[in-house]
C-alpha atoms as a PDB file:
ATOM      1  CA  UNK A   1      25.151 -49.239  43.769  1.00  0.00           C
ATOM      2  CA  UNK A   2      25.026 -49.930  40.339  1.00  0.00           C
ATOM      3  CA  UNK A   3      26.884 -47.572  38.524  1.00  0.00           C
ATOM      4  CA  UNK A   4      25.011 -45.534  35.855  1.00  0.00           C
ATOM      5  CA  UNK A   5      25.344 -45.483  32.319  1.00  0.00           C
ATOM      6  CA  UNK A   6      26.067 -42.155  30.535  1.00  0.00           C
ATOM      7  CA  UNK A   7      25.086 -42.898  27.001  1.00  0.00           C
ATOM      8  CA  UNK A   8      21.546 -43.315  26.164  1.00  0.00           C
ATOM      9  CA  UNK A   9      20.097 -43.523  22.966  1.00  0.00           C
ATOM     10  CA  UNK A  10      16.643 -41.822  24.123  1.00  0.00           C
ATOM     11  CA  UNK A  11      15.393 -38.984  21.668  1.00  0.00           C
ATOM     12  CA  UNK A  12      18.672 -39.535  19.313  1.00  0.00           C
ATOM     13  CA  UNK A  13      15.829 -40.975  16.521  1.00  0.00           C
ATOM     14  CA  UNK A  14      14.060 -37.381  16.822  1.00  0.00           C
ATOM     15  CA  UNK A  15      17.595 -35.726  16.967  1.00  0.00           C
ATOM     16  CA  UNK A  16      18.617 -37.111  14.246  1.00  0.00           C
ATOM     17  CA  UNK A  17      15.192 -36.138  11.850  1.00  0.00           C
ATOM     18  CA  UNK A  18      15.515 -33.237  13.008  1.00  0.00           C
ATOM     19  CA  UNK A  19      18.703 -32.762  11.342  1.00  0.00           C
ATOM     20  CA  UNK A  20      17.704 -34.377   7.901  1.00  0.00           C
ATOM     21  CA  UNK A  21      14.691 -31.882   8.021  1.00  0.00           C
ATOM     22  CA  UNK A  22      16.049 -28.788   8.499  1.00  0.00           C
ATOM     23  CA  UNK A  23      19.318 -29.505   6.447  1.00  0.00           C
ATOM     24  CA  UNK A  24      16.613 -30.728   3.722  1.00  0.00           C
ATOM     25  CA  UNK A  25      15.187 -27.199   4.118  1.00  0.00           C
ATOM     26  CA  UNK A  26      18.042 -24.726   3.653  1.00  0.00           C
ATOM     27  CA  UNK A  27      17.731 -25.638  -0.198  1.00  0.00           C
ATOM     28  CA  UNK A  28      14.056 -24.777  -0.294  1.00  0.00           C
ATOM     29  CA  UNK A  29      14.867 -21.307   1.943  1.00  0.00           C
ATOM     30  CA  UNK A  30      17.948 -20.215  -0.377  1.00  0.00           C
ATOM     31  CA  UNK A  31      15.394 -20.617  -3.288  1.00  0.00           C
ATOM     32  CA  UNK A  32      12.698 -18.253  -1.692  1.00  0.00           C
ATOM     33  CA  UNK A  33      15.496 -15.917  -0.702  1.00  0.00           C
ATOM     34  CA  UNK A  34      16.075 -15.576  -4.345  1.00  0.00           C
ATOM     35  CA  UNK A  35      12.867 -15.349  -5.708  1.00  0.00           C
ATOM     36  CA  UNK A  36      12.316 -12.561  -2.805  1.00  0.00           C
ATOM     37  CA  UNK A  37      15.176 -11.049  -4.298  1.00  0.00           C
ATOM     38  CA  UNK A  38      13.833 -10.897  -8.107  1.00  0.00           C
ATOM     39  CA  UNK A  39      10.297 -10.279  -6.687  1.00  0.00           C
ATOM     40  CA  UNK A  40      11.709  -7.222  -5.031  1.00  0.00           C
ATOM     41  CA  UNK A  41      14.076  -5.341  -7.311  1.00  0.00           C
ATOM     42  CA  UNK A  42      10.932  -5.973 -10.012  1.00  0.00           C
ATOM     43  CA  UNK A  43       8.762  -4.203  -7.228  1.00  0.00           C
ATOM     44  CA  UNK A  44      11.250  -1.287  -7.091  1.00  0.00           C
ATOM     45  CA  UNK A  45      11.911  -1.220 -10.994  1.00  0.00           C
ATOM     46  CA  UNK A  46       7.719  -0.892 -11.143  1.00  0.00           C
ATOM     47  CA  UNK A  47       7.793   1.743  -8.721  1.00  0.00           C
ATOM     48  CA  UNK A  48      10.717   3.864 -10.197  1.00  0.00           C
ATOM     49  CA  UNK A  49       8.371   3.907 -13.007  1.00  0.00           C
ATOM     50  CA  UNK A  50       6.009   5.756 -11.071  1.00  0.00           C
ATOM     51  CA  UNK A  51       7.722   8.122  -8.430  1.00  0.00           C
ATOM     52  CA  UNK A  52       9.324  11.125  -7.715  1.00  0.00           C
ATOM     53  CA  UNK A  53      13.332  10.773  -7.337  1.00  0.00           C
ATOM     54  CA  UNK A  54      12.507  12.182  -3.809  1.00  0.00           C
ATOM     55  CA  UNK A  55      10.878   9.331  -2.893  1.00  0.00           C
ATOM     56  CA  UNK A  56      12.604   6.886  -4.551  1.00  0.00           C
ATOM     57  CA  UNK A  57      14.438   5.580  -1.391  1.00  0.00           C
ATOM     58  CA  UNK A  58      11.868   5.296   1.094  1.00  0.00           C
ATOM     59  CA  UNK A  59       9.621   3.236  -1.092  1.00  0.00           C
ATOM     60  CA  UNK A  60      11.960   0.472  -2.791  1.00  0.00           C
ATOM     61  CA  UNK A  61      13.613  -0.223   0.674  1.00  0.00           C
ATOM     62  CA  UNK A  62      12.110  -2.867   1.961  1.00  0.00           C
ATOM     63  CA  UNK A  63      10.809  -1.576   5.507  1.00  0.00           C
ATOM     64  CA  UNK A  64      10.391   1.714   5.193  1.00  0.00           C
ATOM     65  CA  UNK A  65       8.576   1.193   2.288  1.00  0.00           C
ATOM     66  CA  UNK A  66       5.521  -0.067   3.322  1.00  0.00           C
ATOM     67  CA  UNK A  67       4.890   2.756   6.309  1.00  0.00           C
ATOM     68  CA  UNK A  68       5.794   5.074   3.832  1.00  0.00           C
ATOM     69  CA  UNK A  69       3.508   4.218   1.271  1.00  0.00           C
ATOM     70  CA  UNK A  70       0.691   4.136   4.442  1.00  0.00           C
ATOM     71  CA  UNK A  71       1.664   7.715   5.060  1.00  0.00           C
ATOM     72  CA  UNK A  72       1.506   9.121   1.062  1.00  0.00           C
ATOM     73  CA  UNK A  73      -2.041   6.836   0.868  1.00  0.00           C
ATOM     74  CA  UNK A  74      -3.653   8.896   3.944  1.00  0.00           C
ATOM     75  CA  UNK A  75      -2.116  12.201   2.249  1.00  0.00           C
ATOM     76  CA  UNK A  76      -3.356  11.617  -0.926  1.00  0.00           C
ATOM     77  CA  UNK A  77      -6.945  10.509   0.912  1.00  0.00           C
ATOM     78  CA  UNK A  78      -7.025  14.260   2.718  1.00  0.00           C
ATOM     79  CA  UNK A  79      -6.175  16.056  -0.519  1.00  0.00           C
ATOM     80  CA  UNK A  80      -9.016  15.097  -2.060  1.00  0.00           C
ATOM     81  CA  UNK A  81     -11.757  18.397  -2.295  1.00  0.00           C
ATOM     82  CA  UNK A  82     -14.273  17.734  -0.315  1.00  0.00           C
ATOM     83  CA  UNK A  83     -18.019  18.331  -0.920  1.00  0.00           C
ATOM     84  CA  UNK A  84     -19.217  21.584  -0.253  1.00  0.00           C
ATOM     85  CA  UNK A  85     -22.491  21.853   2.256  1.00  0.00           C
ATOM     86  CA  UNK A  86     -24.320  24.246   1.267  1.00  0.00           C
ATOM     87  CA  UNK A  87     -26.598  26.114   4.534  1.00  0.00           C
ATOM     88  CA  UNK A  88     -30.248  27.673   3.594  1.00  0.00           C
ATOM     89  CA  UNK A  89     -29.316  31.106   3.232  1.00  0.00           C
ATOM     90  CA  UNK A  90     -27.141  30.910  -0.177  1.00  0.00           C
ATOM     91  CA  UNK A  91     -29.185  27.832  -0.803  1.00  0.00           C
ATOM     92  CA  UNK A  92     -32.290  30.502  -1.342  1.00  0.00           C
ATOM     93  CA  UNK A  93     -29.727  33.184  -3.082  1.00  0.00           C
ATOM     94  CA  UNK A  94     -28.583  31.985  -5.874  1.00  0.00           C
ATOM     95  CA  UNK A  95     -32.101  31.258  -6.856  1.00  0.00           C
ATOM     96  CA  UNK A  96     -33.412  34.854  -6.422  1.00  0.00           C
ATOM     97  CA  UNK A  97     -30.615  35.862  -8.597  1.00  0.00           C
ATOM     98  CA  UNK A  98     -31.345  33.664 -11.293  1.00  0.00           C
ATOM     99  CA  UNK A  99     -35.235  34.949 -11.102  1.00  0.00           C
ATOM    100  CA  UNK A 100     -34.305  38.699 -10.861  1.00  0.00           C
ATOM    101  CA  UNK A 101     -32.449  38.627 -14.288  1.00  0.00           C
ATOM    102  CA  UNK A 102     -34.210  38.555 -17.512  1.00  0.00           C
ATOM    103  CA  UNK A 103     -34.551  35.166 -19.680  1.00  0.00           C
ATOM    104  CA  UNK A 104     -32.801  35.274 -23.251  1.00  0.00           C
ATOM    105  CA  UNK A 105     -34.798  36.125 -26.353  1.00  0.00           C
ATOM    106  CA  UNK A 106     -34.266  33.235 -29.332  1.00  0.00           C
ATOM    107  CA  UNK A 107     -30.817  34.214 -31.344  1.00  0.00           C
ATOM    108  CA  UNK A 108     -33.231  35.310 -34.512  1.00  0.00           C
ATOM    109  CA  UNK A 109     -36.343  37.505 -32.850  1.00  0.00           C
ATOM    110  CA  UNK A 110     -35.438  41.106 -32.624  1.00  0.00           C
ATOM    111  CA  UNK A 111     -36.326  43.396 -29.436  1.00  0.00           C
ATOM    112  CA  UNK A 112     -39.626  44.906 -30.029  1.00  0.00           C
END
């Protein structure tokens, strides 16, 4: 029986390429992380100028910020005044009150 080969070069070049790509990708990753940190701090500064101090911790937080901003936006939408819908009886009532009131005379005119 033939002795099996212990070492093979199968798939090795692919592994070398993957290692090379991974090693060189880390440089870009570090740059990206630095840029993200700068962007996050700039965003936090902009938000600080706009908000109450009590809400700052939530808003500036990278993960909680998304949820609290959504929650606050929903609150703002709910706080907007709703247009009042008039019924037929309410709509006709003011017109009768206006008709009953006497018309105003011009400024210079005197009463007869």
